[in-house]
Amino acid sequence: MKTTLNIPKDLIDEAMRASKKKTKTETIVVALKEYIRQRRLEEIIEEAGMLEFSDDWEKLRHER
């Protein structure tokens, strides 16, 4: 999909150097994927204290 964006040149240049990608498109795709990955990790970390684990897994394993 073609999209027109106004992104500061210095920001794109820095992102291209950091990602070692040769095109702006590759750089933006990598940056978006990394952003999504980071957000998902943050969500998992936020929910870490809310998860409950059952300690009867050994019993359940043998019931199959």
N, C-alpha and C. Protein backbone atom coordinates (compact mmCIF):
# COMPACT_ATOMS: atom_id res chain seq x y z
N MET A 1 0.84 -1.16 0.00
CA MET A 1 0.00 0.00 0.00
C MET A 1 0.90 1.24 0.00
N LYS A 2 0.58 2.15 -0.85
CA LYS A 2 1.37 3.37 -0.93
C LYS A 2 0.76 4.41 -0.01
N THR A 3 1.61 5.05 0.81
CA THR A 3 1.17 6.05 1.76
C THR A 3 2.17 7.20 1.77
N THR A 4 1.67 8.41 1.89
CA THR A 4 2.53 9.57 1.98
C THR A 4 2.61 9.99 3.44
N LEU A 5 3.84 10.09 3.95
CA LEU A 5 4.07 10.49 5.34
C LEU A 5 5.08 11.62 5.39
N ASN A 6 4.93 12.47 6.38
CA ASN A 6 5.91 13.54 6.61
C ASN A 6 6.73 13.16 7.83
N ILE A 7 7.85 12.49 7.58
CA ILE A 7 8.73 12.05 8.65
C ILE A 7 10.03 12.84 8.53
N PRO A 8 10.52 13.40 9.63
CA PRO A 8 11.76 14.17 9.57
C PRO A 8 12.91 13.34 8.97
N LYS A 9 13.65 13.96 8.06
CA LYS A 9 14.74 13.28 7.35
C LYS A 9 15.78 12.74 8.32
N ASP A 10 16.13 13.51 9.34
CA ASP A 10 17.15 13.04 10.28
C ASP A 10 16.68 11.79 11.04
N LEU A 11 15.38 11.69 11.30
CA LEU A 11 14.84 10.53 11.99
C LEU A 11 14.91 9.29 11.08
N ILE A 12 14.55 9.46 9.82
CA ILE A 12 14.63 8.36 8.85
C ILE A 12 16.09 7.94 8.67
N ASP A 13 16.97 8.90 8.52
CA ASP A 13 18.39 8.59 8.34
C ASP A 13 18.95 7.80 9.52
N GLU A 14 18.60 8.23 10.73
CA GLU A 14 19.08 7.53 11.93
C GLU A 14 18.51 6.11 12.00
N ALA A 15 17.23 5.98 11.68
CA ALA A 15 16.59 4.67 11.69
C ALA A 15 17.22 3.76 10.65
N MET A 16 17.54 4.29 9.48
CA MET A 16 18.18 3.49 8.43
C MET A 16 19.56 3.01 8.88
N ARG A 17 20.30 3.87 9.55
CA ARG A 17 21.63 3.47 10.06
C ARG A 17 21.47 2.39 11.12
N ALA A 18 20.54 2.60 12.04
CA ALA A 18 20.36 1.66 13.14
C ALA A 18 19.88 0.29 12.65
N SER A 19 18.99 0.29 11.66
CA SER A 19 18.43 -0.97 11.18
C SER A 19 19.29 -1.62 10.09
N LYS A 20 20.23 -0.83 9.56
CA LYS A 20 21.10 -1.30 8.47
C LYS A 20 20.29 -1.71 7.24
N LYS A 21 19.18 -1.02 7.02
CA LYS A 21 18.36 -1.26 5.84
C LYS A 21 18.71 -0.22 4.79
N LYS A 22 18.56 -0.59 3.52
CA LYS A 22 18.97 0.29 2.44
C LYS A 22 17.85 1.20 1.94
N THR A 23 16.60 0.82 2.21
CA THR A 23 15.49 1.64 1.73
C THR A 23 14.66 2.16 2.90
N LYS A 24 13.95 3.24 2.63
CA LYS A 24 13.07 3.80 3.65
C LYS A 24 11.93 2.83 3.96
N THR A 25 11.42 2.17 2.94
CA THR A 25 10.32 1.22 3.14
C THR A 25 10.75 0.10 4.07
N GLU A 26 11.90 -0.51 3.80
CA GLU A 26 12.40 -1.58 4.67
C GLU A 26 12.58 -1.08 6.10
N THR A 27 13.10 0.12 6.22
CA THR A 27 13.33 0.71 7.54
C THR A 27 12.03 0.90 8.30
N ILE A 28 11.02 1.43 7.65
CA ILE A 28 9.73 1.67 8.30
C ILE A 28 9.06 0.35 8.67
N VAL A 29 9.15 -0.65 7.79
CA VAL A 29 8.55 -1.96 8.09
C VAL A 29 9.21 -2.57 9.33
N VAL A 30 10.53 -2.53 9.38
CA VAL A 30 11.26 -3.06 10.54
C VAL A 30 10.88 -2.29 11.81
N ALA A 31 10.81 -0.98 11.70
CA ALA A 31 10.47 -0.15 12.87
C ALA A 31 9.06 -0.46 13.36
N LEU A 32 8.11 -0.62 12.46
CA LEU A 32 6.74 -0.92 12.86
C LEU A 32 6.64 -2.30 13.51
N LYS A 33 7.32 -3.28 12.93
CA LYS A 33 7.31 -4.63 13.51
C LYS A 33 7.91 -4.62 14.91
N GLU A 34 9.00 -3.88 15.08
CA GLU A 34 9.64 -3.79 16.40
C GLU A 34 8.73 -3.08 17.39
N TYR A 35 8.05 -2.04 16.97
CA TYR A 35 7.13 -1.33 17.84
C TYR A 35 6.01 -2.26 18.30
N ILE A 36 5.45 -3.01 17.37
CA ILE A 36 4.38 -3.95 17.71
C ILE A 36 4.88 -5.02 18.67
N ARG A 37 6.08 -5.55 18.42
CA ARG A 37 6.66 -6.56 19.30
C ARG A 37 6.83 -6.01 20.72
N GLN A 38 7.35 -4.78 20.81
CA GLN A 38 7.57 -4.16 22.12
C GLN A 38 6.25 -3.96 22.86
N ARG A 39 5.22 -3.51 22.16
CA ARG A 39 3.92 -3.30 22.80
C ARG A 39 3.34 -4.61 23.30
N ARG A 40 3.47 -5.67 22.51
CA ARG A 40 2.97 -6.97 22.95
C ARG A 40 3.71 -7.46 24.19
N LEU A 41 5.02 -7.26 24.22
CA LEU A 41 5.80 -7.64 25.40
C LEU A 41 5.36 -6.85 26.62
N GLU A 42 5.12 -5.57 26.44
CA GLU A 42 4.65 -4.75 27.56
C GLU A 42 3.31 -5.24 28.08
N GLU A 43 2.42 -5.63 27.18
CA GLU A 43 1.12 -6.16 27.58
C GLU A 43 1.28 -7.46 28.37
N ILE A 44 2.18 -8.32 27.91
CA ILE A 44 2.42 -9.59 28.61
C ILE A 44 2.98 -9.32 30.00
N ILE A 45 3.91 -8.40 30.10
CA ILE A 45 4.52 -8.07 31.39
C ILE A 45 3.48 -7.48 32.33
N GLU A 46 2.60 -6.62 31.82
CA GLU A 46 1.55 -6.03 32.65
C GLU A 46 0.61 -7.10 33.20
N GLU A 47 0.34 -8.14 32.41
CA GLU A 47 -0.58 -9.18 32.83
C GLU A 47 0.10 -10.29 33.63
N ALA A 48 1.40 -10.24 33.75
CA ALA A 48 2.14 -11.31 34.43
C ALA A 48 1.66 -11.53 35.85
N GLY A 49 1.35 -10.49 36.57
CA GLY A 49 0.90 -10.64 37.95
C GLY A 49 -0.54 -11.08 38.06
N MET A 50 -1.27 -11.10 36.95
CA MET A 50 -2.68 -11.44 36.96
C MET A 50 -2.96 -12.90 36.62
N LEU A 51 -1.95 -13.59 36.15
CA LEU A 51 -2.15 -14.98 35.75
C LEU A 51 -2.09 -15.90 36.96
N GLU A 52 -2.94 -16.90 36.97
CA GLU A 52 -2.92 -17.88 38.04
C GLU A 52 -2.56 -19.24 37.46
N PHE A 53 -1.62 -19.89 38.10
CA PHE A 53 -1.20 -21.20 37.65
C PHE A 53 -1.61 -22.24 38.67
N SER A 54 -2.07 -23.35 38.18
CA SER A 54 -2.47 -24.44 39.05
C SER A 54 -1.26 -25.32 39.34
N ASP A 55 -1.09 -25.72 40.57
CA ASP A 55 0.04 -26.57 40.91
C ASP A 55 -0.30 -28.05 40.81
N ASP A 56 -1.45 -28.36 40.25
CA ASP A 56 -1.82 -29.77 40.10
C ASP A 56 -1.59 -30.26 38.67
N TRP A 57 -0.63 -29.68 37.98
CA TRP A 57 -0.35 -30.05 36.60
C TRP A 57 0.10 -31.51 36.49
N GLU A 58 0.80 -31.99 37.48
CA GLU A 58 1.27 -33.39 37.45
C GLU A 58 0.08 -34.34 37.44
N LYS A 59 -0.90 -34.07 38.27
CA LYS A 59 -2.11 -34.88 38.32
C LYS A 59 -2.86 -34.80 36.99
N LEU A 60 -3.01 -33.62 36.46
CA LEU A 60 -3.72 -33.43 35.20
C LEU A 60 -3.00 -34.13 34.04
N ARG A 61 -1.70 -34.13 34.09
CA ARG A 61 -0.90 -34.73 33.03
C ARG A 61 -1.17 -36.24 32.95
N HIS A 62 -1.33 -36.87 34.08
CA HIS A 62 -1.54 -38.32 34.12
C HIS A 62 -3.00 -38.72 33.87
N GLU A 63 -3.91 -37.77 33.92
CA GLU A 63 -5.32 -38.07 33.70
C GLU A 63 -5.67 -38.20 32.22
N ARG A 64 -4.79 -37.84 31.34
CA ARG A 64 -5.10 -37.90 29.91
C ARG A 64 -5.28 -39.27 29.41
